[in-house]
Amino acid sequence: MSDDSPSLAQVQSTVDEWITTIGVRYFSELTNMTILTEEVGELARIMARRYGDQSEKPSDANRDLGDEMADVLWVLAALANQTGVNLSEAFERNLEKKTQRDADRHRNNPKLQ
């Protein structure tokens, strides 16, 4: 990741600015949740066909995996904005929770050895 990569706070701010100027307004939270599910499905389809056991369709062969991930991030940031979630703070809390909970769990997992 380069030094000029946006922080999660900047991503949320950029999404908000774009939606309120170019996009006119936010879709409802339920609509955005549905869109998020759709975007995750598109990402899953590419992953399953490119890295999993399914064969890749010609229409999916040139799909940009990073662009699909960015679509997921975009809608997630929109939902965070709508519901008052600061993703930077939530990520830090989540990382701390995982670090405490899983400090030895994965290291002691024989499946990962």
C-alpha atoms as a PDB file:
ATOM      1  CA  MET A   1       0.000   0.000   0.000  1.00  0.00           C
ATOM      2  CA  SER A   2       1.441   3.360  -0.931  1.00  0.00           C
ATOM      3  CA  ASP A   3       1.753   6.298   1.443  1.00  0.00           C
ATOM      4  CA  ASP A   4      -0.903   8.217  -0.474  1.00  0.00           C
ATOM      5  CA  SER A   5      -3.545   5.489  -0.110  1.00  0.00           C
ATOM      6  CA  PRO A   6      -6.753   6.790   1.451  1.00  0.00           C
ATOM      7  CA  SER A   7      -7.606   5.946   5.038  1.00  0.00           C
ATOM      8  CA  LEU A   8     -10.972   4.420   5.834  1.00  0.00           C
ATOM      9  CA  ALA A   9     -12.092   7.849   7.051  1.00  0.00           C
ATOM     10  CA  GLN A  10     -11.099   9.336   3.703  1.00  0.00           C
ATOM     11  CA  VAL A  11     -12.926   6.552   1.863  1.00  0.00           C
ATOM     12  CA  GLN A  12     -16.076   7.291   3.862  1.00  0.00           C
ATOM     13  CA  SER A  13     -15.721  11.013   3.202  1.00  0.00           C
ATOM     14  CA  THR A  14     -15.122  10.518  -0.524  1.00  0.00           C
ATOM     15  CA  VAL A  15     -18.125   8.209  -0.848  1.00  0.00           C
ATOM     16  CA  ASP A  16     -20.300  10.723   1.027  1.00  0.00           C
ATOM     17  CA  GLU A  17     -19.156  13.618  -1.151  1.00  0.00           C
ATOM     18  CA  TRP A  18     -19.730  11.662  -4.357  1.00  0.00           C
ATOM     19  CA  ILE A  19     -23.170  10.420  -3.319  1.00  0.00           C
ATOM     20  CA  THR A  20     -24.390  13.842  -2.178  1.00  0.00           C
ATOM     21  CA  THR A  21     -23.124  15.660  -5.278  1.00  0.00           C
ATOM     22  CA  ILE A  22     -23.005  13.301  -8.250  1.00  0.00           C
ATOM     23  CA  GLY A  23     -25.260  10.553  -6.946  1.00  0.00           C
ATOM     24  CA  VAL A  24     -27.891  13.067  -5.743  1.00  0.00           C
ATOM     25  CA  ARG A  25     -28.702  11.218  -2.502  1.00  0.00           C
ATOM     26  CA  TYR A  26     -28.167   7.966  -0.628  1.00  0.00           C
ATOM     27  CA  PHE A  27     -30.326   4.993  -1.497  1.00  0.00           C
ATOM     28  CA  SER A  28     -32.166   3.623   1.533  1.00  0.00           C
ATOM     29  CA  GLU A  29     -30.177   1.484   3.943  1.00  0.00           C
ATOM     30  CA  LEU A  30     -32.115  -1.603   2.893  1.00  0.00           C
ATOM     31  CA  THR A  31     -31.452  -0.895  -0.789  1.00  0.00           C
ATOM     32  CA  ASN A  32     -27.748  -0.411  -0.066  1.00  0.00           C
ATOM     33  CA  MET A  33     -27.657  -3.643   1.936  1.00  0.00           C
ATOM     34  CA  THR A  34     -29.154  -5.419  -1.058  1.00  0.00           C
ATOM     35  CA  ILE A  35     -26.619  -3.766  -3.379  1.00  0.00           C
ATOM     36  CA  LEU A  36     -23.803  -4.840  -1.027  1.00  0.00           C
ATOM     37  CA  THR A  37     -25.052  -8.419  -1.226  1.00  0.00           C
ATOM     38  CA  GLU A  38     -25.129  -8.177  -5.018  1.00  0.00           C
ATOM     39  CA  GLU A  39     -21.576  -6.794  -5.149  1.00  0.00           C
ATOM     40  CA  VAL A  40     -20.279  -9.531  -2.807  1.00  0.00           C
ATOM     41  CA  GLY A  41     -21.967 -12.063  -5.114  1.00  0.00           C
ATOM     42  CA  GLU A  42     -20.163 -10.630  -8.139  1.00  0.00           C
ATOM     43  CA  LEU A  43     -16.858 -10.850  -6.275  1.00  0.00           C
ATOM     44  CA  ALA A  44     -17.659 -14.412  -5.171  1.00  0.00           C
ATOM     45  CA  ARG A  45     -18.437 -15.466  -8.734  1.00  0.00           C
ATOM     46  CA  ILE A  46     -15.049 -14.269  -9.975  1.00  0.00           C
ATOM     47  CA  MET A  47     -13.221 -15.852  -7.022  1.00  0.00           C
ATOM     48  CA  ALA A  48     -14.991 -19.196  -7.517  1.00  0.00           C
ATOM     49  CA  ARG A  49     -14.206 -19.262 -11.220  1.00  0.00           C
ATOM     50  CA  ARG A  50     -10.713 -17.827 -11.152  1.00  0.00           C
ATOM     51  CA  TYR A  51      -9.385 -19.476  -7.989  1.00  0.00           C
ATOM     52  CA  GLY A  52     -11.912 -22.201  -7.240  1.00  0.00           C
ATOM     53  CA  ASP A  53     -13.103 -25.270  -9.037  1.00  0.00           C
ATOM     54  CA  GLN A  54     -15.563 -23.669 -11.435  1.00  0.00           C
ATOM     55  CA  SER A  55     -14.445 -22.909 -14.966  1.00  0.00           C
ATOM     56  CA  GLU A  56     -14.267 -19.226 -15.828  1.00  0.00           C
ATOM     57  CA  LYS A  57     -16.811 -17.947 -18.315  1.00  0.00           C
ATOM     58  CA  PRO A  58     -15.438 -15.852 -21.176  1.00  0.00           C
ATOM     59  CA  SER A  59     -17.520 -12.926 -19.907  1.00  0.00           C
ATOM     60  CA  ASP A  60     -15.736 -13.095 -16.530  1.00  0.00           C
ATOM     61  CA  ALA A  61     -12.198 -13.640 -17.835  1.00  0.00           C
ATOM     62  CA  ASN A  62     -11.307  -9.957 -18.021  1.00  0.00           C
ATOM     63  CA  ARG A  63     -13.198  -8.805 -14.923  1.00  0.00           C
ATOM     64  CA  ASP A  64     -11.019  -6.728 -12.628  1.00  0.00           C
ATOM     65  CA  LEU A  65     -10.914  -8.393  -9.216  1.00  0.00           C
ATOM     66  CA  GLY A  66      -9.738  -5.186  -7.551  1.00  0.00           C
ATOM     67  CA  ASP A  67     -12.625  -3.246  -9.079  1.00  0.00           C
ATOM     68  CA  GLU A  68     -15.093  -5.778  -7.700  1.00  0.00           C
ATOM     69  CA  MET A  69     -13.520  -5.483  -4.244  1.00  0.00           C
ATOM     70  CA  ALA A  70     -13.689  -1.692  -4.514  1.00  0.00           C
ATOM     71  CA  ASP A  71     -17.413  -1.958  -5.315  1.00  0.00           C
ATOM     72  CA  VAL A  72     -17.885  -3.877  -2.048  1.00  0.00           C
ATOM     73  CA  LEU A  73     -15.854  -1.281  -0.127  1.00  0.00           C
ATOM     74  CA  TRP A  74     -17.833   1.579  -1.723  1.00  0.00           C
ATOM     75  CA  VAL A  75     -21.229   0.242  -0.667  1.00  0.00           C
ATOM     76  CA  LEU A  76     -19.923  -0.741   2.769  1.00  0.00           C
ATOM     77  CA  ALA A  77     -18.663   2.831   3.250  1.00  0.00           C
ATOM     78  CA  ALA A  78     -22.051   4.177   2.155  1.00  0.00           C
ATOM     79  CA  LEU A  79     -23.820   1.958   4.690  1.00  0.00           C
ATOM     80  CA  ALA A  80     -21.392   3.031   7.402  1.00  0.00           C
ATOM     81  CA  ASN A  81     -22.082   6.674   6.586  1.00  0.00           C
ATOM     82  CA  GLN A  82     -25.828   6.131   6.699  1.00  0.00           C
ATOM     83  CA  THR A  83     -25.777   4.314  10.008  1.00  0.00           C
ATOM     84  CA  GLY A  84     -23.231   6.505  11.781  1.00  0.00           C
ATOM     85  CA  VAL A  85     -20.446   3.909  11.892  1.00  0.00           C
ATOM     86  CA  ASN A  86     -16.879   5.167  11.853  1.00  0.00           C
ATOM     87  CA  LEU A  87     -15.133   2.341   9.998  1.00  0.00           C
ATOM     88  CA  SER A  88     -11.683   3.350  11.258  1.00  0.00           C
ATOM     89  CA  GLU A  89     -12.782   3.092  14.878  1.00  0.00           C
ATOM     90  CA  ALA A  90     -14.794  -0.062  14.233  1.00  0.00           C
ATOM     91  CA  PHE A  91     -11.814  -1.685  12.512  1.00  0.00           C
ATOM     92  CA  GLU A  92      -9.500  -0.852  15.419  1.00  0.00           C
ATOM     93  CA  ARG A  93     -11.975  -2.308  17.938  1.00  0.00           C
ATOM     94  CA  ASN A  94     -12.432  -5.386  15.774  1.00  0.00           C
ATOM     95  CA  LEU A  95      -8.684  -5.901  15.422  1.00  0.00           C
ATOM     96  CA  GLU A  96      -8.245  -5.679  19.192  1.00  0.00           C
ATOM     97  CA  LYS A  97     -11.082  -8.181  19.728  1.00  0.00           C
ATOM     98  CA  LYS A  98      -9.553 -10.641  17.258  1.00  0.00           C
ATOM     99  CA  THR A  99      -6.068 -10.185  18.708  1.00  0.00           C
ATOM    100  CA  GLN A 100      -7.253 -10.966  22.235  1.00  0.00           C
ATOM    101  CA  ARG A 101      -9.571 -13.791  21.229  1.00  0.00           C
ATOM    102  CA  ASP A 102      -7.264 -15.481  18.744  1.00  0.00           C
ATOM    103  CA  ALA A 103      -3.831 -14.812  20.259  1.00  0.00           C
ATOM    104  CA  ASP A 104      -2.974 -18.526  20.299  1.00  0.00           C
ATOM    105  CA  ARG A 105      -5.879 -20.063  18.415  1.00  0.00           C
ATOM    106  CA  HIS A 106      -4.363 -20.059  14.930  1.00  0.00           C
ATOM    107  CA  ARG A 107      -0.803 -20.731  16.105  1.00  0.00           C
ATOM    108  CA  ASN A 108      -2.066 -23.876  17.839  1.00  0.00           C
ATOM    109  CA  ASN A 109      -4.208 -25.057  14.940  1.00  0.00           C
ATOM    110  CA  PRO A 110      -2.611 -28.227  13.508  1.00  0.00           C
ATOM    111  CA  LYS A 111      -4.463 -27.627  10.226  1.00  0.00           C
ATOM    112  CA  LEU A 112      -2.362 -24.502   9.693  1.00  0.00           C
ATOM    113  CA  GLN A 113       1.002 -26.133  10.435  1.00  0.00           C
END
